[in-house]
Amino acid sequence: MSKKHYGLLGCGMMGQEHLRNMALLPDIEVAAIFEPDAGMRALSQALAPAAHQLDSLAALLQHPGLDALIITSPNHCHAEQLLQIAASRPLPLLLEKPACTHLAAVRELRQLALSYPAPIWIAMEYRYMPPIARLLGEVRSAQACGPAVMLSIREHRYPFLAKVGDWNRFNRNTGGTLVEKCCHFFDLMRLVMQADPIRLYASGGQNHNHLDERYPDGRPDILDNAFVVLDFPGGRRALLELCMFAEGSRYQEEISVVGPKGKLECKVPGPGRFWPAALLGEAPVAQLIVSPRQPAGPRLLEIPVDPLLLAAGDHNGSTFYQHQKFLAVLQGKQAAEVSLTDGLKAVVIGLAAEHSAQSGERIDLTQGPWSLTG
């Protein structure tokens, strides 16, 4: 089968993770890259030496022979870039989350989703982490816990990393922490519950991180911790607990799903490059714990991830599996699994949670400006 030729829009830290993972798939060739920052451009050239380095999105869209575009530019660029691509050359897209950063863009992109003639896949990597994928499989089977009634996602992790131009220090660029970081988790909640949430309440703050930092654009205003409680139809509920000054944790993500038959728990370690192996030995292995009510008693399964995939990025191997599936879309073997509509719903939930954390309001997600159906 012939190779698929990709264009890459933006090639900072996340774009380079995509390059390392695409290099593991022999049917993908990165043909062209547009990255405006000189330092990031040099790093991307080292990872994809055969790729043409171009000087604009327009030039990328004019590059011959492209089968798809991978978009890993800063969050606030996504909506405008999607509209430009749709107007010029609507190629199949793999777009890094979040799809956009404000409600006006959500409205525009909802219309785009109805008319875009090619697949758009929103890069929700957490779906494809092997331990979380195993958890989702257990939930779908309904054998271990039955229909999900309560869902809890806890992420205790390191602060936001430095990005080019420090764009990720400001809500106006990221959409806010509960969009930038947590749209992944709101996507997982919809997937586990097989429904949209109907209301939410959030409490959050900036208690520790970036307080002493100053930039030409001012002081960072991003949340570093939060709780978000979401109600789902049928009296079911979910909780997100986020702390971004807890990098000493053994596991970065801990997910619990409880139903009438029992409980499922998933524990996922953070990026191996941050694990203090000199002090603590080998990094922990992801776990799935199945705890039925009858007969009572937990069963622990370790879910190791291929070391080659762990070395290729910070997302527990998921970027590779996501690209494997996106390639299958281009080859006509399957449909896109995470639609633009899915991505936009995760953005709206995140924006509503940001608003709730700032205002103290409970947000109705079924009508008005925060409606998930538009």
Protein backbone atom coordinates (compact mmCIF):
# COMPACT_ATOMS: atom_id res chain seq x y z
CA MET A 1 0.00 0.00 0.00
CA SER A 2 1.36 3.44 -0.93
CA LYS A 3 2.44 5.89 1.75
CA LYS A 4 0.22 8.72 2.92
CA HIS A 5 1.85 12.14 2.79
CA TYR A 6 1.15 14.52 5.66
CA GLY A 7 1.52 18.23 6.20
CA LEU A 8 2.18 19.43 9.74
CA LEU A 9 0.91 22.80 10.96
CA GLY A 10 2.81 23.88 14.06
CA CYS A 11 5.67 21.83 15.42
CA GLY A 12 6.37 22.74 19.03
CA MET A 13 6.52 20.21 21.85
CA MET A 14 3.33 18.37 20.90
CA GLY A 15 4.05 18.52 17.19
CA GLN A 16 7.40 16.86 17.81
CA GLU A 17 5.67 14.08 19.75
CA HIS A 18 3.48 13.54 16.70
CA LEU A 19 6.57 13.40 14.47
CA ARG A 20 8.27 10.79 16.66
CA ASN A 21 5.17 8.61 16.64
CA MET A 22 4.46 8.99 12.92
CA ALA A 23 8.05 7.89 12.28
CA LEU A 24 7.12 4.51 13.81
CA LEU A 25 4.49 3.91 11.11
CA PRO A 26 6.11 3.03 7.76
CA ASP A 27 3.02 4.02 5.74
CA ILE A 28 3.30 7.69 6.81
CA GLU A 29 5.64 10.28 5.33
CA VAL A 30 5.74 13.86 6.62
CA ALA A 31 6.12 15.85 3.42
CA ALA A 32 5.83 19.48 4.59
CA ILE A 33 5.89 21.50 7.82
CA PHE A 34 4.95 25.07 8.67
CA GLU A 35 6.43 26.15 12.01
CA PRO A 36 7.13 29.90 12.45
CA ASP A 37 9.49 29.64 15.43
CA ALA A 38 13.12 29.13 14.35
CA GLY A 39 14.07 26.94 17.31
CA MET A 40 11.10 24.61 16.94
CA ARG A 41 11.60 24.54 13.18
CA ALA A 42 15.16 23.29 13.64
CA LEU A 43 14.01 20.56 16.02
CA SER A 44 11.28 19.46 13.63
CA GLN A 45 13.79 19.38 10.76
CA ALA A 46 15.99 17.04 12.78
CA LEU A 47 13.04 14.70 13.33
CA ALA A 48 11.76 14.87 9.73
CA PRO A 49 14.78 15.78 7.57
CA ALA A 50 13.01 15.02 4.28
CA ALA A 51 10.09 17.37 4.98
CA HIS A 52 9.86 20.71 3.18
CA GLN A 53 9.93 23.63 5.64
CA LEU A 54 7.38 26.22 4.49
CA ASP A 55 6.75 29.80 5.60
CA SER A 56 2.94 30.01 5.88
CA LEU A 57 -0.26 28.02 6.13
CA ALA A 58 -1.10 29.20 2.61
CA ALA A 59 2.14 27.66 1.33
CA LEU A 60 1.38 24.44 3.20
CA LEU A 61 -2.05 24.26 1.60
CA GLN A 62 -0.50 24.72 -1.83
CA HIS A 63 2.06 21.95 -1.31
CA PRO A 64 1.36 19.16 -3.83
CA GLY A 65 0.52 15.59 -2.97
CA LEU A 66 -0.70 15.98 0.62
CA ASP A 67 -3.19 13.38 1.85
CA ALA A 68 -3.86 14.92 5.27
CA LEU A 69 -2.93 17.71 7.67
CA ILE A 70 -1.89 17.35 11.32
CA ILE A 71 -2.58 20.54 13.31
CA THR A 72 -0.58 21.08 16.49
CA SER A 73 -0.52 24.87 16.61
CA PRO A 74 -1.41 26.87 19.77
CA ASN A 75 -5.04 26.55 20.89
CA HIS A 76 -6.18 30.03 19.95
CA CYS A 77 -5.07 29.50 16.33
CA HIS A 78 -7.21 26.43 15.66
CA ALA A 79 -10.56 27.97 14.71
CA GLU A 80 -9.14 30.50 12.25
CA GLN A 81 -6.87 27.87 10.72
CA LEU A 82 -9.74 25.41 10.31
CA LEU A 83 -11.79 28.02 8.51
CA GLN A 84 -8.86 28.88 6.22
CA ILE A 85 -8.28 25.21 5.41
CA ALA A 86 -11.99 24.67 4.71
CA ALA A 87 -12.05 27.63 2.32
CA SER A 88 -8.84 26.69 0.51
CA ARG A 89 -8.15 22.95 0.56
CA PRO A 90 -10.34 20.82 2.85
CA LEU A 91 -8.00 17.89 3.44
CA PRO A 92 -8.57 15.19 6.09
CA LEU A 93 -7.46 16.62 9.44
CA LEU A 94 -6.09 15.41 12.75
CA LEU A 95 -6.53 18.44 15.01
CA GLU A 96 -4.98 18.64 18.46
CA LYS A 97 -7.37 19.48 21.26
CA PRO A 98 -9.00 21.82 22.06
CA ALA A 99 -10.85 22.49 18.83
CA CYS A 100 -11.20 26.16 19.80
CA THR A 101 -11.11 28.48 22.81
CA HIS A 102 -14.33 30.53 22.97
CA LEU A 103 -18.07 30.20 22.34
CA ALA A 104 -18.15 32.34 19.18
CA ALA A 105 -15.69 29.93 17.56
CA VAL A 106 -17.79 26.97 18.74
CA ARG A 107 -20.75 28.38 16.82
CA GLU A 108 -18.69 28.85 13.65
CA LEU A 109 -17.17 25.39 13.84
CA ARG A 110 -20.53 23.74 14.45
CA GLN A 111 -21.52 25.02 11.02
CA LEU A 112 -18.23 23.86 9.55
CA ALA A 113 -18.81 20.36 10.95
CA LEU A 114 -22.01 20.12 8.91
CA SER A 115 -20.34 20.89 5.59
CA TYR A 116 -16.67 19.84 5.76
CA PRO A 117 -16.23 17.23 3.04
CA ALA A 118 -13.37 15.23 4.59
CA PRO A 119 -12.80 13.49 7.95
CA ILE A 120 -11.84 15.63 10.94
CA TRP A 121 -10.41 13.74 13.92
CA ILE A 122 -9.93 15.65 17.19
CA ALA A 123 -6.83 14.40 19.00
CA MET A 124 -8.18 13.21 22.35
CA GLU A 125 -5.14 11.11 23.22
CA TYR A 126 -6.42 9.95 26.60
CA ARG A 127 -8.94 7.63 24.90
CA TYR A 128 -6.02 5.66 23.48
CA MET A 129 -3.78 5.22 26.52
CA PRO A 130 -3.67 1.41 26.87
CA PRO A 131 -4.88 1.33 30.50
CA ILE A 132 -7.73 3.76 29.78
CA ALA A 133 -8.64 1.92 26.57
CA ARG A 134 -8.84 -1.27 28.65
CA LEU A 135 -11.05 0.51 31.20
CA LEU A 136 -13.34 1.74 28.42
CA GLY A 137 -13.58 -1.80 27.06
CA GLU A 138 -14.62 -3.10 30.47
CA VAL A 139 -17.23 -0.34 30.77
CA ARG A 140 -18.64 -1.17 27.33
CA SER A 141 -18.91 -4.86 28.17
CA ALA A 142 -20.93 -4.00 31.32
CA GLN A 143 -19.81 -7.31 32.85
CA ALA A 144 -17.61 -5.95 35.64
CA CYS A 145 -19.56 -2.95 36.90
CA GLY A 146 -22.76 -2.68 34.88
CA PRO A 147 -23.95 0.71 33.60
CA ALA A 148 -21.81 3.54 34.98
CA VAL A 149 -23.51 5.44 37.80
CA MET A 150 -20.58 7.32 39.35
CA LEU A 151 -17.39 8.38 37.59
CA SER A 152 -14.39 10.08 39.17
CA ILE A 153 -11.30 11.32 37.34
CA ARG A 154 -8.39 12.63 39.38
CA GLU A 155 -5.33 14.16 37.74
CA HIS A 156 -2.50 15.16 40.05
CA ARG A 157 0.39 16.34 37.92
CA TYR A 158 3.15 18.83 37.20
CA PRO A 159 2.53 22.50 36.25
CA PHE A 160 2.12 23.62 32.66
CA LEU A 161 5.41 23.42 30.78
CA ALA A 162 7.03 26.40 29.06
CA LYS A 163 5.83 26.93 25.48
CA VAL A 164 7.00 29.21 22.68
CA GLY A 165 6.13 32.81 23.57
CA ASP A 166 4.58 31.58 26.83
CA TRP A 167 1.21 31.45 25.08
CA ASN A 168 -0.10 28.82 27.49
CA ARG A 169 0.08 31.16 30.50
CA PHE A 170 -3.08 33.06 29.56
CA ASN A 171 -6.76 32.06 29.40
CA ARG A 172 -7.33 34.09 26.25
CA ASN A 173 -4.91 31.79 24.41
CA THR A 174 -5.74 28.46 26.00
CA GLY A 175 -9.46 28.76 26.71
CA GLY A 176 -8.53 28.28 30.37
CA THR A 177 -7.07 25.29 32.18
CA LEU A 178 -10.42 23.48 32.22
CA VAL A 179 -10.46 23.69 28.42
CA GLU A 180 -6.77 23.28 27.59
CA LYS A 181 -6.03 20.47 30.03
CA CYS A 182 -9.40 19.01 30.90
CA CYS A 183 -11.30 18.76 27.63
CA HIS A 184 -9.69 15.28 27.49
CA PHE A 185 -11.51 14.32 30.67
CA PHE A 186 -14.86 15.76 29.70
CA ASP A 187 -14.56 13.75 26.48
CA LEU A 188 -13.89 10.60 28.53
CA MET A 189 -16.89 11.35 30.74
CA ARG A 190 -19.21 11.54 27.73
CA LEU A 191 -17.70 8.29 26.43
CA VAL A 192 -18.06 6.39 29.72
CA MET A 193 -21.58 7.69 30.43
CA GLN A 194 -22.68 7.40 26.77
CA ALA A 195 -24.53 10.69 27.26
CA ASP A 196 -24.03 14.43 27.48
CA PRO A 197 -23.98 16.05 30.93
CA ILE A 198 -26.99 18.21 31.76
CA ARG A 199 -25.47 20.58 34.35
CA LEU A 200 -22.24 21.31 36.17
CA TYR A 201 -20.72 23.24 39.04
CA ALA A 202 -17.02 24.05 39.35
CA SER A 203 -14.75 25.49 42.01
CA GLY A 204 -11.16 26.34 41.17
CA GLY A 205 -8.33 28.75 41.72
CA GLN A 206 -4.76 29.78 41.05
CA ASN A 207 -3.21 29.01 44.43
CA HIS A 208 0.39 28.16 43.67
CA ASN A 209 1.64 28.08 40.08
CA HIS A 210 3.01 31.02 38.04
CA LEU A 211 2.16 33.62 40.70
CA ASP A 212 5.60 35.24 40.49
CA GLU A 213 5.84 35.14 36.68
CA ARG A 214 5.48 38.32 34.64
CA TYR A 215 5.35 38.64 30.86
CA PRO A 216 4.82 41.53 28.45
CA ASP A 217 1.15 40.46 28.37
CA GLY A 218 0.90 40.57 32.16
CA ARG A 219 0.58 38.02 34.93
CA PRO A 220 -0.61 34.46 34.16
CA ASP A 221 -4.28 33.90 34.96
CA ILE A 222 -4.64 30.13 34.49
CA LEU A 223 -6.19 27.91 37.18
CA ASP A 224 -3.88 25.38 38.83
CA ASN A 225 -6.51 23.36 40.74
CA ALA A 226 -10.22 22.68 40.50
CA PHE A 227 -13.16 20.42 41.24
CA VAL A 228 -15.91 20.02 38.63
CA VAL A 229 -19.12 18.12 39.40
CA LEU A 230 -21.28 17.10 36.44
CA ASP A 231 -24.80 15.68 36.49
CA PHE A 232 -25.80 13.21 33.77
CA PRO A 233 -29.26 11.95 32.81
CA GLY A 234 -30.75 9.27 35.01
CA GLY A 235 -29.34 10.56 38.30
CA ARG A 236 -25.75 9.68 37.35
CA ARG A 237 -22.82 11.94 38.11
CA ALA A 238 -19.13 12.55 37.55
CA LEU A 239 -16.34 14.40 39.33
CA LEU A 240 -13.12 15.87 38.02
CA GLU A 241 -10.36 16.65 40.52
CA LEU A 242 -7.40 18.52 39.08
CA CYS A 243 -4.23 19.61 40.85
CA MET A 244 -1.25 20.92 38.89
CA PHE A 245 1.21 21.14 41.76
CA ALA A 246 1.20 17.46 42.70
CA GLU A 247 4.02 16.11 40.54
CA GLY A 248 5.26 13.97 43.44
CA SER A 249 2.38 11.54 42.90
CA ARG A 250 3.03 7.92 41.99
CA TYR A 251 0.20 7.97 39.44
CA GLN A 252 -0.82 11.00 37.42
CA GLU A 253 -4.36 9.93 36.53
CA GLU A 254 -6.69 7.79 38.63
CA ILE A 255 -10.11 6.95 37.19
CA SER A 256 -12.93 5.21 39.06
CA VAL A 257 -16.18 3.92 37.51
CA VAL A 258 -18.85 2.46 39.80
CA GLY A 259 -22.03 0.68 38.73
CA PRO A 260 -24.54 -1.72 40.22
CA LYS A 261 -22.26 -4.74 39.72
CA GLY A 262 -18.97 -3.34 40.98
CA LYS A 263 -16.14 -0.88 40.53
CA LEU A 264 -13.40 -0.35 37.95
CA GLU A 265 -10.26 1.66 38.73
CA CYS A 266 -7.50 2.73 36.40
CA LYS A 267 -4.15 4.17 37.49
CA VAL A 268 -1.91 5.81 34.89
CA PRO A 269 1.66 7.02 35.52
CA GLY A 270 2.84 10.36 34.20
CA PRO A 271 5.59 10.87 31.61
CA GLY A 272 8.59 8.66 32.29
CA ARG A 273 11.02 11.52 31.73
CA PHE A 274 9.76 13.15 34.94
CA TRP A 275 9.97 10.03 37.11
CA PRO A 276 12.92 10.24 39.60
CA ALA A 277 14.33 6.82 38.77
CA ALA A 278 17.62 7.53 40.57
CA LEU A 279 15.69 7.87 43.82
CA LEU A 280 12.74 5.53 43.34
CA GLY A 281 13.81 2.93 40.79
CA GLU A 282 11.78 1.99 37.75
CA ALA A 283 8.68 4.00 36.90
CA PRO A 284 5.34 2.49 37.94
CA VAL A 285 3.30 0.39 35.52
CA ALA A 286 -0.30 1.30 34.73
CA GLN A 287 -2.95 -0.70 36.55
CA LEU A 288 -6.57 -1.73 36.11
CA ILE A 289 -8.35 -2.91 39.25
CA VAL A 290 -11.64 -4.79 38.93
CA SER A 291 -13.67 -4.96 42.16
CA PRO A 292 -16.98 -6.85 41.80
CA ARG A 293 -19.60 -6.68 44.53
CA GLN A 294 -20.26 -10.43 44.32
CA PRO A 295 -17.96 -12.18 44.95
CA ALA A 296 -16.28 -9.26 46.72
CA GLY A 297 -12.59 -8.70 46.23
CA PRO A 298 -10.36 -6.68 43.90
CA ARG A 299 -8.40 -8.14 41.00
CA LEU A 300 -5.36 -6.12 39.90
CA LEU A 301 -4.05 -6.24 36.33
CA GLU A 302 -0.85 -4.54 35.27
CA ILE A 303 -1.01 -3.01 31.78
CA PRO A 304 2.52 -2.35 30.55
CA VAL A 305 3.10 -0.12 27.54
CA ASP A 306 5.74 -0.78 24.88
CA PRO A 307 8.91 1.09 25.99
CA LEU A 308 9.41 2.30 22.42
CA LEU A 309 6.06 4.07 22.57
CA LEU A 310 6.72 5.47 26.03
CA ALA A 311 9.96 6.98 24.71
CA ALA A 312 8.14 8.59 21.75
CA GLY A 313 6.01 10.93 23.86
CA ASP A 314 4.39 11.92 27.14
CA HIS A 315 0.99 10.27 26.66
CA ASN A 316 1.49 6.63 27.61
CA GLY A 317 1.71 5.39 24.01
CA SER A 318 -1.63 6.87 22.99
CA THR A 319 -0.31 9.19 20.25
CA PHE A 320 0.96 6.16 18.32
CA TYR A 321 -2.33 4.28 18.57
CA GLN A 322 -4.26 7.39 17.58
CA HIS A 323 -2.10 7.82 14.46
CA GLN A 324 -2.51 4.15 13.64
CA LYS A 325 -6.28 4.62 13.62
CA PHE A 326 -6.18 7.93 11.74
CA LEU A 327 -4.07 6.25 9.06
CA ALA A 328 -6.75 3.55 8.83
CA VAL A 329 -9.29 6.32 8.18
CA LEU A 330 -7.20 7.61 5.27
CA GLN A 331 -6.90 4.05 3.95
CA GLY A 332 -10.67 3.64 3.99
CA LYS A 333 -10.64 1.00 6.73
CA GLN A 334 -12.63 2.85 9.39
CA ALA A 335 -14.38 6.12 10.22
CA ALA A 336 -12.98 8.88 12.43
CA GLU A 337 -13.62 8.02 16.07
CA VAL A 338 -13.49 11.52 17.61
CA SER A 339 -15.50 13.97 15.53
CA LEU A 340 -15.32 17.75 15.46
CA THR A 341 -18.70 17.69 17.22
CA ASP A 342 -17.19 15.58 20.02
CA GLY A 343 -14.33 18.06 20.30
CA LEU A 344 -16.66 21.06 20.42
CA LYS A 345 -18.80 19.52 23.17
CA ALA A 346 -15.67 18.99 25.28
CA VAL A 347 -14.74 22.66 24.71
CA VAL A 348 -18.19 23.90 25.75
CA ILE A 349 -18.08 21.83 28.96
CA GLY A 350 -14.62 23.24 29.72
CA LEU A 351 -15.69 26.82 29.05
CA ALA A 352 -18.79 26.35 31.20
CA ALA A 353 -16.63 24.96 34.00
CA GLU A 354 -14.29 27.97 33.74
CA HIS A 355 -17.29 30.30 33.96
CA SER A 356 -18.72 28.42 36.93
CA ALA A 357 -15.37 28.50 38.78
CA GLN A 358 -15.19 32.29 38.29
CA SER A 359 -18.84 33.11 38.98
CA GLY A 360 -19.97 30.46 41.44
CA GLU A 361 -22.93 29.65 39.18
CA ARG A 362 -24.39 26.25 38.45
CA ILE A 363 -24.45 25.91 34.65
CA ASP A 364 -27.32 24.38 32.66
CA LEU A 365 -25.84 22.52 29.66
CA THR A 366 -29.17 21.82 27.97
CA GLN A 367 -30.17 25.33 26.89
CA GLY A 368 -28.92 28.89 26.52
CA PRO A 369 -25.32 29.83 25.66
CA TRP A 370 -23.87 26.65 27.21
CA SER A 371 -26.11 24.21 25.37
CA LEU A 372 -24.15 21.22 24.08
CA THR A 373 -26.41 20.85 21.08
CA GLY A 374 -26.27 24.45 19.84
